[in-house]
């Protein structure tokens, strides 16, 4: 796991730096990148499902996503490896973006990394149970204590925040934990004195 730490840190710092660079460009050009947000049920907007996850509506919006994205992404990369993390994030982005496209309010425009944040939260919360890993169950419980309150953001509301992106991102993260699970080797459970099937 130690060998994964440096690539994980580099990936997440690079990812966040890209988000801040894009928002700087957006602000400097008068919001020109906001057009890459998702406007629901418009066929051409399906092309914006992926780009929308890298764009924000202002630096305050981006700042709110930065720390949880860094932390959750780093932990996921550390435990899963870079390759599996990228596959997990792609599934989350697609689930969140398509969920927004199908269900968001008419004439809305949705962008931001919060769908990925919710997805990584869901992924880390359940993967230990799915992979029967005592260590990852513990990590999931800690993540639940630290960020469990964000689940309120996945409930329907009229506060101008895309609860749809949050909800479908969360669903995508849980789905990714099943789709990209490692086959259990019994090592973690055996080390805890538990035998599979007993």
C-alpha atoms as a PDB file:
ATOM      1  CA  UNK A   1       0.000   0.000   0.000  1.00  0.00           C
ATOM      2  CA  UNK A   2       2.921   2.316   0.698  1.00  0.00           C
ATOM      3  CA  UNK A   3       3.940   2.120  -2.959  1.00  0.00           C
ATOM      4  CA  UNK A   4       0.517   3.508  -3.900  1.00  0.00           C
ATOM      5  CA  UNK A   5       0.765   6.589  -1.687  1.00  0.00           C
ATOM      6  CA  UNK A   6       2.913   8.806  -3.927  1.00  0.00           C
ATOM      7  CA  UNK A   7       0.953   8.106  -7.151  1.00  0.00           C
ATOM      8  CA  UNK A   8      -2.293   8.638  -5.234  1.00  0.00           C
ATOM      9  CA  UNK A   9      -1.133  12.002  -3.892  1.00  0.00           C
ATOM     10  CA  UNK A  10       0.135  13.094  -7.310  1.00  0.00           C
ATOM     11  CA  UNK A  11      -3.102  12.069  -9.011  1.00  0.00           C
ATOM     12  CA  UNK A  12      -5.357  13.906  -6.586  1.00  0.00           C
ATOM     13  CA  UNK A  13      -3.226  17.060  -6.454  1.00  0.00           C
ATOM     14  CA  UNK A  14      -3.093  17.098 -10.255  1.00  0.00           C
ATOM     15  CA  UNK A  15      -6.846  16.528 -10.474  1.00  0.00           C
ATOM     16  CA  UNK A  16      -7.653  19.363  -8.102  1.00  0.00           C
ATOM     17  CA  UNK A  17      -5.135  21.656  -9.811  1.00  0.00           C
ATOM     18  CA  UNK A  18      -6.910  20.969 -13.120  1.00  0.00           C
ATOM     19  CA  UNK A  19     -10.272  21.888 -11.588  1.00  0.00           C
ATOM     20  CA  UNK A  20      -8.899  25.179 -10.263  1.00  0.00           C
ATOM     21  CA  UNK A  21      -7.244  25.933 -13.597  1.00  0.00           C
ATOM     22  CA  UNK A  22     -10.492  25.309 -15.459  1.00  0.00           C
ATOM     23  CA  UNK A  23     -12.422  27.538 -13.070  1.00  0.00           C
ATOM     24  CA  UNK A  24      -9.802  30.251 -13.510  1.00  0.00           C
ATOM     25  CA  UNK A  25     -10.264  30.053 -17.270  1.00  0.00           C
ATOM     26  CA  UNK A  26     -14.040  30.108 -16.829  1.00  0.00           C
ATOM     27  CA  UNK A  27     -13.959  33.216 -14.652  1.00  0.00           C
ATOM     28  CA  UNK A  28     -11.438  34.974 -16.919  1.00  0.00           C
ATOM     29  CA  UNK A  29     -13.631  34.337 -19.966  1.00  0.00           C
ATOM     30  CA  UNK A  30     -16.904  35.453 -18.391  1.00  0.00           C
ATOM     31  CA  UNK A  31     -18.294  31.983 -17.691  1.00  0.00           C
ATOM     32  CA  UNK A  32     -17.666  30.580 -21.151  1.00  0.00           C
ATOM     33  CA  UNK A  33     -17.194  27.043 -19.804  1.00  0.00           C
ATOM     34  CA  UNK A  34     -20.545  27.039 -18.019  1.00  0.00           C
ATOM     35  CA  UNK A  35     -22.120  25.965 -21.294  1.00  0.00           C
ATOM     36  CA  UNK A  36     -20.586  22.525 -20.682  1.00  0.00           C
ATOM     37  CA  UNK A  37     -22.911  21.966 -17.743  1.00  0.00           C
ATOM     38  CA  UNK A  38     -25.743  19.476 -18.158  1.00  0.00           C
ATOM     39  CA  UNK A  39     -29.093  20.794 -19.321  1.00  0.00           C
ATOM     40  CA  UNK A  40     -31.623  17.998 -18.855  1.00  0.00           C
ATOM     41  CA  UNK A  41     -33.266  15.971 -21.593  1.00  0.00           C
ATOM     42  CA  UNK A  42     -31.546  17.761 -24.444  1.00  0.00           C
ATOM     43  CA  UNK A  43     -29.906  15.054 -26.627  1.00  0.00           C
ATOM     44  CA  UNK A  44     -26.865  17.198 -27.450  1.00  0.00           C
ATOM     45  CA  UNK A  45     -26.237  17.683 -23.706  1.00  0.00           C
ATOM     46  CA  UNK A  46     -25.291  14.025 -23.319  1.00  0.00           C
ATOM     47  CA  UNK A  47     -21.870  15.059 -24.614  1.00  0.00           C
ATOM     48  CA  UNK A  48     -21.475  17.255 -21.532  1.00  0.00           C
ATOM     49  CA  UNK A  49     -22.007  14.471 -18.977  1.00  0.00           C
ATOM     50  CA  UNK A  50     -18.256  13.948 -18.480  1.00  0.00           C
ATOM     51  CA  UNK A  51     -16.981  17.553 -18.860  1.00  0.00           C
ATOM     52  CA  UNK A  52     -19.583  18.829 -16.375  1.00  0.00           C
ATOM     53  CA  UNK A  53     -17.883  16.882 -13.568  1.00  0.00           C
ATOM     54  CA  UNK A  54     -14.745  19.024 -14.000  1.00  0.00           C
ATOM     55  CA  UNK A  55     -16.438  22.439 -14.046  1.00  0.00           C
ATOM     56  CA  UNK A  56     -17.908  24.660 -11.335  1.00  0.00           C
ATOM     57  CA  UNK A  57     -20.025  27.782 -10.977  1.00  0.00           C
ATOM     58  CA  UNK A  58     -17.537  29.960  -9.123  1.00  0.00           C
ATOM     59  CA  UNK A  59     -14.591  29.470  -6.801  1.00  0.00           C
ATOM     60  CA  UNK A  60     -16.810  29.073  -3.722  1.00  0.00           C
ATOM     61  CA  UNK A  61     -18.513  26.107  -5.391  1.00  0.00           C
ATOM     62  CA  UNK A  62     -15.127  24.599  -6.243  1.00  0.00           C
ATOM     63  CA  UNK A  63     -13.676  25.252  -2.783  1.00  0.00           C
ATOM     64  CA  UNK A  64     -16.563  23.355  -1.180  1.00  0.00           C
ATOM     65  CA  UNK A  65     -15.686  20.275  -3.243  1.00  0.00           C
ATOM     66  CA  UNK A  66     -11.898  20.464  -3.044  1.00  0.00           C
ATOM     67  CA  UNK A  67     -11.103  19.028   0.393  1.00  0.00           C
ATOM     68  CA  UNK A  68     -13.555  16.096   0.325  1.00  0.00           C
ATOM     69  CA  UNK A  69     -12.480  15.241  -3.223  1.00  0.00           C
ATOM     70  CA  UNK A  70      -8.811  15.267  -2.188  1.00  0.00           C
ATOM     71  CA  UNK A  71      -9.373  13.135   0.892  1.00  0.00           C
ATOM     72  CA  UNK A  72     -11.845  10.622  -0.512  1.00  0.00           C
ATOM     73  CA  UNK A  73      -9.977  10.315  -3.803  1.00  0.00           C
ATOM     74  CA  UNK A  74      -6.661   9.772  -2.022  1.00  0.00           C
ATOM     75  CA  UNK A  75      -8.089   7.063   0.243  1.00  0.00           C
ATOM     76  CA  UNK A  76      -9.788   5.334  -2.693  1.00  0.00           C
ATOM     77  CA  UNK A  77      -6.607   5.431  -4.787  1.00  0.00           C
ATOM     78  CA  UNK A  78      -4.545   4.188  -1.849  1.00  0.00           C
ATOM     79  CA  UNK A  79      -6.816   1.222  -1.222  1.00  0.00           C
ATOM     80  CA  UNK A  80      -7.863   0.408  -4.799  1.00  0.00           C
ATOM     81  CA  UNK A  81      -4.949   1.532  -6.988  1.00  0.00           C
ATOM     82  CA  UNK A  82      -4.980   4.202  -9.670  1.00  0.00           C
ATOM     83  CA  UNK A  83      -6.403   2.027 -12.439  1.00  0.00           C
ATOM     84  CA  UNK A  84      -9.399   0.845 -10.466  1.00  0.00           C
ATOM     85  CA  UNK A  85     -10.010   4.328  -9.058  1.00  0.00           C
ATOM     86  CA  UNK A  86     -10.208   5.799 -12.563  1.00  0.00           C
ATOM     87  CA  UNK A  87     -12.714   3.114 -13.586  1.00  0.00           C
ATOM     88  CA  UNK A  88     -14.745   3.771 -10.434  1.00  0.00           C
ATOM     89  CA  UNK A  89     -14.752   7.540 -11.057  1.00  0.00           C
ATOM     90  CA  UNK A  90     -15.832   7.099 -14.678  1.00  0.00           C
ATOM     91  CA  UNK A  91     -18.796   4.974 -13.611  1.00  0.00           C
ATOM     92  CA  UNK A  92     -19.695   7.543 -10.942  1.00  0.00           C
ATOM     93  CA  UNK A  93     -19.500  10.422 -13.425  1.00  0.00           C
ATOM     94  CA  UNK A  94     -21.730   8.583 -15.890  1.00  0.00           C
ATOM     95  CA  UNK A  95     -24.266   7.597 -13.229  1.00  0.00           C
ATOM     96  CA  UNK A  96     -24.384  11.100 -11.747  1.00  0.00           C
ATOM     97  CA  UNK A  97     -24.467  12.907 -15.088  1.00  0.00           C
ATOM     98  CA  UNK A  98     -27.063  10.663 -16.684  1.00  0.00           C
ATOM     99  CA  UNK A  99     -29.179  10.851 -13.534  1.00  0.00           C
ATOM    100  CA  UNK A 100     -29.083  14.650 -13.775  1.00  0.00           C
ATOM    101  CA  UNK A 101     -29.866  14.534 -17.495  1.00  0.00           C
ATOM    102  CA  UNK A 102     -32.956  12.396 -16.901  1.00  0.00           C
ATOM    103  CA  UNK A 103     -34.337  13.924 -13.716  1.00  0.00           C
ATOM    104  CA  UNK A 104     -33.129  17.511 -13.164  1.00  0.00           C
ATOM    105  CA  UNK A 105     -35.530  20.428 -13.306  1.00  0.00           C
ATOM    106  CA  UNK A 106     -36.237  21.917 -16.739  1.00  0.00           C
ATOM    107  CA  UNK A 107     -34.023  24.827 -17.791  1.00  0.00           C
ATOM    108  CA  UNK A 108     -31.436  23.988 -15.110  1.00  0.00           C
ATOM    109  CA  UNK A 109     -27.698  23.778 -15.727  1.00  0.00           C
ATOM    110  CA  UNK A 110     -25.677  21.379 -13.565  1.00  0.00           C
ATOM    111  CA  UNK A 111     -21.927  21.075 -13.156  1.00  0.00           C
ATOM    112  CA  UNK A 112     -19.435  20.277 -10.426  1.00  0.00           C
ATOM    113  CA  UNK A 113     -17.428  17.514  -8.797  1.00  0.00           C
ATOM    114  CA  UNK A 114     -19.909  16.943  -5.976  1.00  0.00           C
ATOM    115  CA  UNK A 115     -21.407  13.938  -7.767  1.00  0.00           C
ATOM    116  CA  UNK A 116     -17.939  12.375  -7.704  1.00  0.00           C
ATOM    117  CA  UNK A 117     -17.549  13.283  -4.022  1.00  0.00           C
ATOM    118  CA  UNK A 118     -20.827  11.559  -3.165  1.00  0.00           C
ATOM    119  CA  UNK A 119     -19.865   8.598  -5.340  1.00  0.00           C
ATOM    120  CA  UNK A 120     -16.469   8.140  -3.671  1.00  0.00           C
ATOM    121  CA  UNK A 121     -18.175   8.420  -0.293  1.00  0.00           C
ATOM    122  CA  UNK A 122     -20.579   5.623  -1.231  1.00  0.00           C
ATOM    123  CA  UNK A 123     -17.782   3.528  -2.729  1.00  0.00           C
ATOM    124  CA  UNK A 124     -15.584   3.730   0.369  1.00  0.00           C
ATOM    125  CA  UNK A 125     -18.539   3.221   2.694  1.00  0.00           C
ATOM    126  CA  UNK A 126     -19.537  -0.170   1.278  1.00  0.00           C
ATOM    127  CA  UNK A 127     -16.476  -1.685  -0.431  1.00  0.00           C
ATOM    128  CA  UNK A 128     -15.119  -3.243   2.770  1.00  0.00           C
ATOM    129  CA  UNK A 129     -18.339  -5.171   3.281  1.00  0.00           C
ATOM    130  CA  UNK A 130     -18.468  -6.257  -0.350  1.00  0.00           C
ATOM    131  CA  UNK A 131     -14.832  -7.376  -0.395  1.00  0.00           C
ATOM    132  CA  UNK A 132     -15.001  -8.771   3.154  1.00  0.00           C
ATOM    133  CA  UNK A 133     -12.021  -6.713   4.254  1.00  0.00           C
ATOM    134  CA  UNK A 134     -11.829  -5.815   7.937  1.00  0.00           C
ATOM    135  CA  UNK A 135      -9.465  -2.901   7.233  1.00  0.00           C
ATOM    136  CA  UNK A 136     -11.732  -1.433   4.564  1.00  0.00           C
ATOM    137  CA  UNK A 137     -14.803  -1.864   6.748  1.00  0.00           C
ATOM    138  CA  UNK A 138     -12.986   0.195   9.357  1.00  0.00           C
ATOM    139  CA  UNK A 139     -12.041   2.819   6.765  1.00  0.00           C
ATOM    140  CA  UNK A 140     -15.648   2.954   5.602  1.00  0.00           C
ATOM    141  CA  UNK A 141     -16.880   3.500   9.150  1.00  0.00           C
ATOM    142  CA  UNK A 142     -14.412   6.354   9.672  1.00  0.00           C
ATOM    143  CA  UNK A 143     -15.476   7.919   6.354  1.00  0.00           C
ATOM    144  CA  UNK A 144     -19.093   7.536   7.441  1.00  0.00           C
ATOM    145  CA  UNK A 145     -18.425   9.379  10.706  1.00  0.00           C
ATOM    146  CA  UNK A 146     -16.458  12.168   8.982  1.00  0.00           C
ATOM    147  CA  UNK A 147     -18.752  12.757   6.014  1.00  0.00           C
ATOM    148  CA  UNK A 148     -22.032  11.018   6.836  1.00  0.00           C
ATOM    149  CA  UNK A 149     -23.834  14.362   7.109  1.00  0.00           C
ATOM    150  CA  UNK A 150     -23.451  14.903   3.363  1.00  0.00           C
ATOM    151  CA  UNK A 151     -26.194  12.341   2.834  1.00  0.00           C
ATOM    152  CA  UNK A 152     -28.704  15.138   3.485  1.00  0.00           C
ATOM    153  CA  UNK A 153     -27.502  16.606   0.178  1.00  0.00           C
ATOM    154  CA  UNK A 154     -28.835  13.559  -1.677  1.00  0.00           C
ATOM    155  CA  UNK A 155     -32.415  14.253  -0.578  1.00  0.00           C
ATOM    156  CA  UNK A 156     -34.827  16.255  -2.762  1.00  0.00           C
ATOM    157  CA  UNK A 157     -34.757  19.970  -2.027  1.00  0.00           C
ATOM    158  CA  UNK A 158     -35.453  23.330  -3.619  1.00  0.00           C
ATOM    159  CA  UNK A 159     -32.271  25.087  -2.472  1.00  0.00           C
ATOM    160  CA  UNK A 160     -30.726  25.329  -5.939  1.00  0.00           C
ATOM    161  CA  UNK A 161     -28.264  22.491  -5.296  1.00  0.00           C
ATOM    162  CA  UNK A 162     -28.361  19.474  -7.583  1.00  0.00           C
ATOM    163  CA  UNK A 163     -29.546  16.784  -5.213  1.00  0.00           C
ATOM    164  CA  UNK A 164     -30.010  14.640  -8.332  1.00  0.00           C
ATOM    165  CA  UNK A 165     -26.284  14.733  -9.077  1.00  0.00           C
ATOM    166  CA  UNK A 166     -25.551  13.861  -5.452  1.00  0.00           C
ATOM    167  CA  UNK A 167     -28.048  11.014  -5.291  1.00  0.00           C
ATOM    168  CA  UNK A 168     -27.058   9.387  -8.561  1.00  0.00           C
ATOM    169  CA  UNK A 169     -23.372   9.899  -7.783  1.00  0.00           C
ATOM    170  CA  UNK A 170     -23.908   8.056  -4.488  1.00  0.00           C
ATOM    171  CA  UNK A 171     -25.729   5.257  -6.306  1.00  0.00           C
ATOM    172  CA  UNK A 172     -22.912   5.110  -8.869  1.00  0.00           C
ATOM    173  CA  UNK A 173     -20.313   4.765  -6.115  1.00  0.00           C
ATOM    174  CA  UNK A 174     -22.140   1.894  -4.444  1.00  0.00           C
ATOM    175  CA  UNK A 175     -22.609   0.223  -7.841  1.00  0.00           C
ATOM    176  CA  UNK A 176     -18.898   0.686  -8.580  1.00  0.00           C
ATOM    177  CA  UNK A 177     -18.015  -1.116  -5.347  1.00  0.00           C
ATOM    178  CA  UNK A 178     -19.857  -4.161  -6.699  1.00  0.00           C
ATOM    179  CA  UNK A 179     -18.727  -3.898 -10.313  1.00  0.00           C
ATOM    180  CA  UNK A 180     -15.026  -3.357  -9.553  1.00  0.00           C
ATOM    181  CA  UNK A 181     -14.719  -5.496  -6.430  1.00  0.00           C
ATOM    182  CA  UNK A 182     -11.650  -7.638  -5.905  1.00  0.00           C
ATOM    183  CA  UNK A 183     -12.325 -11.319  -5.459  1.00  0.00           C
ATOM    184  CA  UNK A 184     -11.962 -12.064  -1.738  1.00  0.00           C
ATOM    185  CA  UNK A 185      -8.856 -14.067  -0.879  1.00  0.00           C
ATOM    186  CA  UNK A 186      -9.870 -14.544   2.732  1.00  0.00           C
ATOM    187  CA  UNK A 187      -6.678 -12.863   3.963  1.00  0.00           C
ATOM    188  CA  UNK A 188      -8.279 -10.050   5.916  1.00  0.00           C
ATOM    189  CA  UNK A 189     -10.971 -12.205   7.457  1.00  0.00           C
ATOM    190  CA  UNK A 190      -8.550 -14.979   8.251  1.00  0.00           C
ATOM    191  CA  UNK A 191      -6.271 -12.464   9.921  1.00  0.00           C
ATOM    192  CA  UNK A 192      -9.189 -11.390  12.084  1.00  0.00           C
ATOM    193  CA  UNK A 193      -9.857 -14.977  13.129  1.00  0.00           C
ATOM    194  CA  UNK A 194     -12.891 -15.350  10.876  1.00  0.00           C
ATOM    195  CA  UNK A 195     -13.281 -18.108   8.376  1.00  0.00           C
ATOM    196  CA  UNK A 196     -15.437 -17.538   5.300  1.00  0.00           C
ATOM    197  CA  UNK A 197     -18.665 -19.459   5.496  1.00  0.00           C
ATOM    198  CA  UNK A 198     -18.744 -19.672   9.290  1.00  0.00           C
END
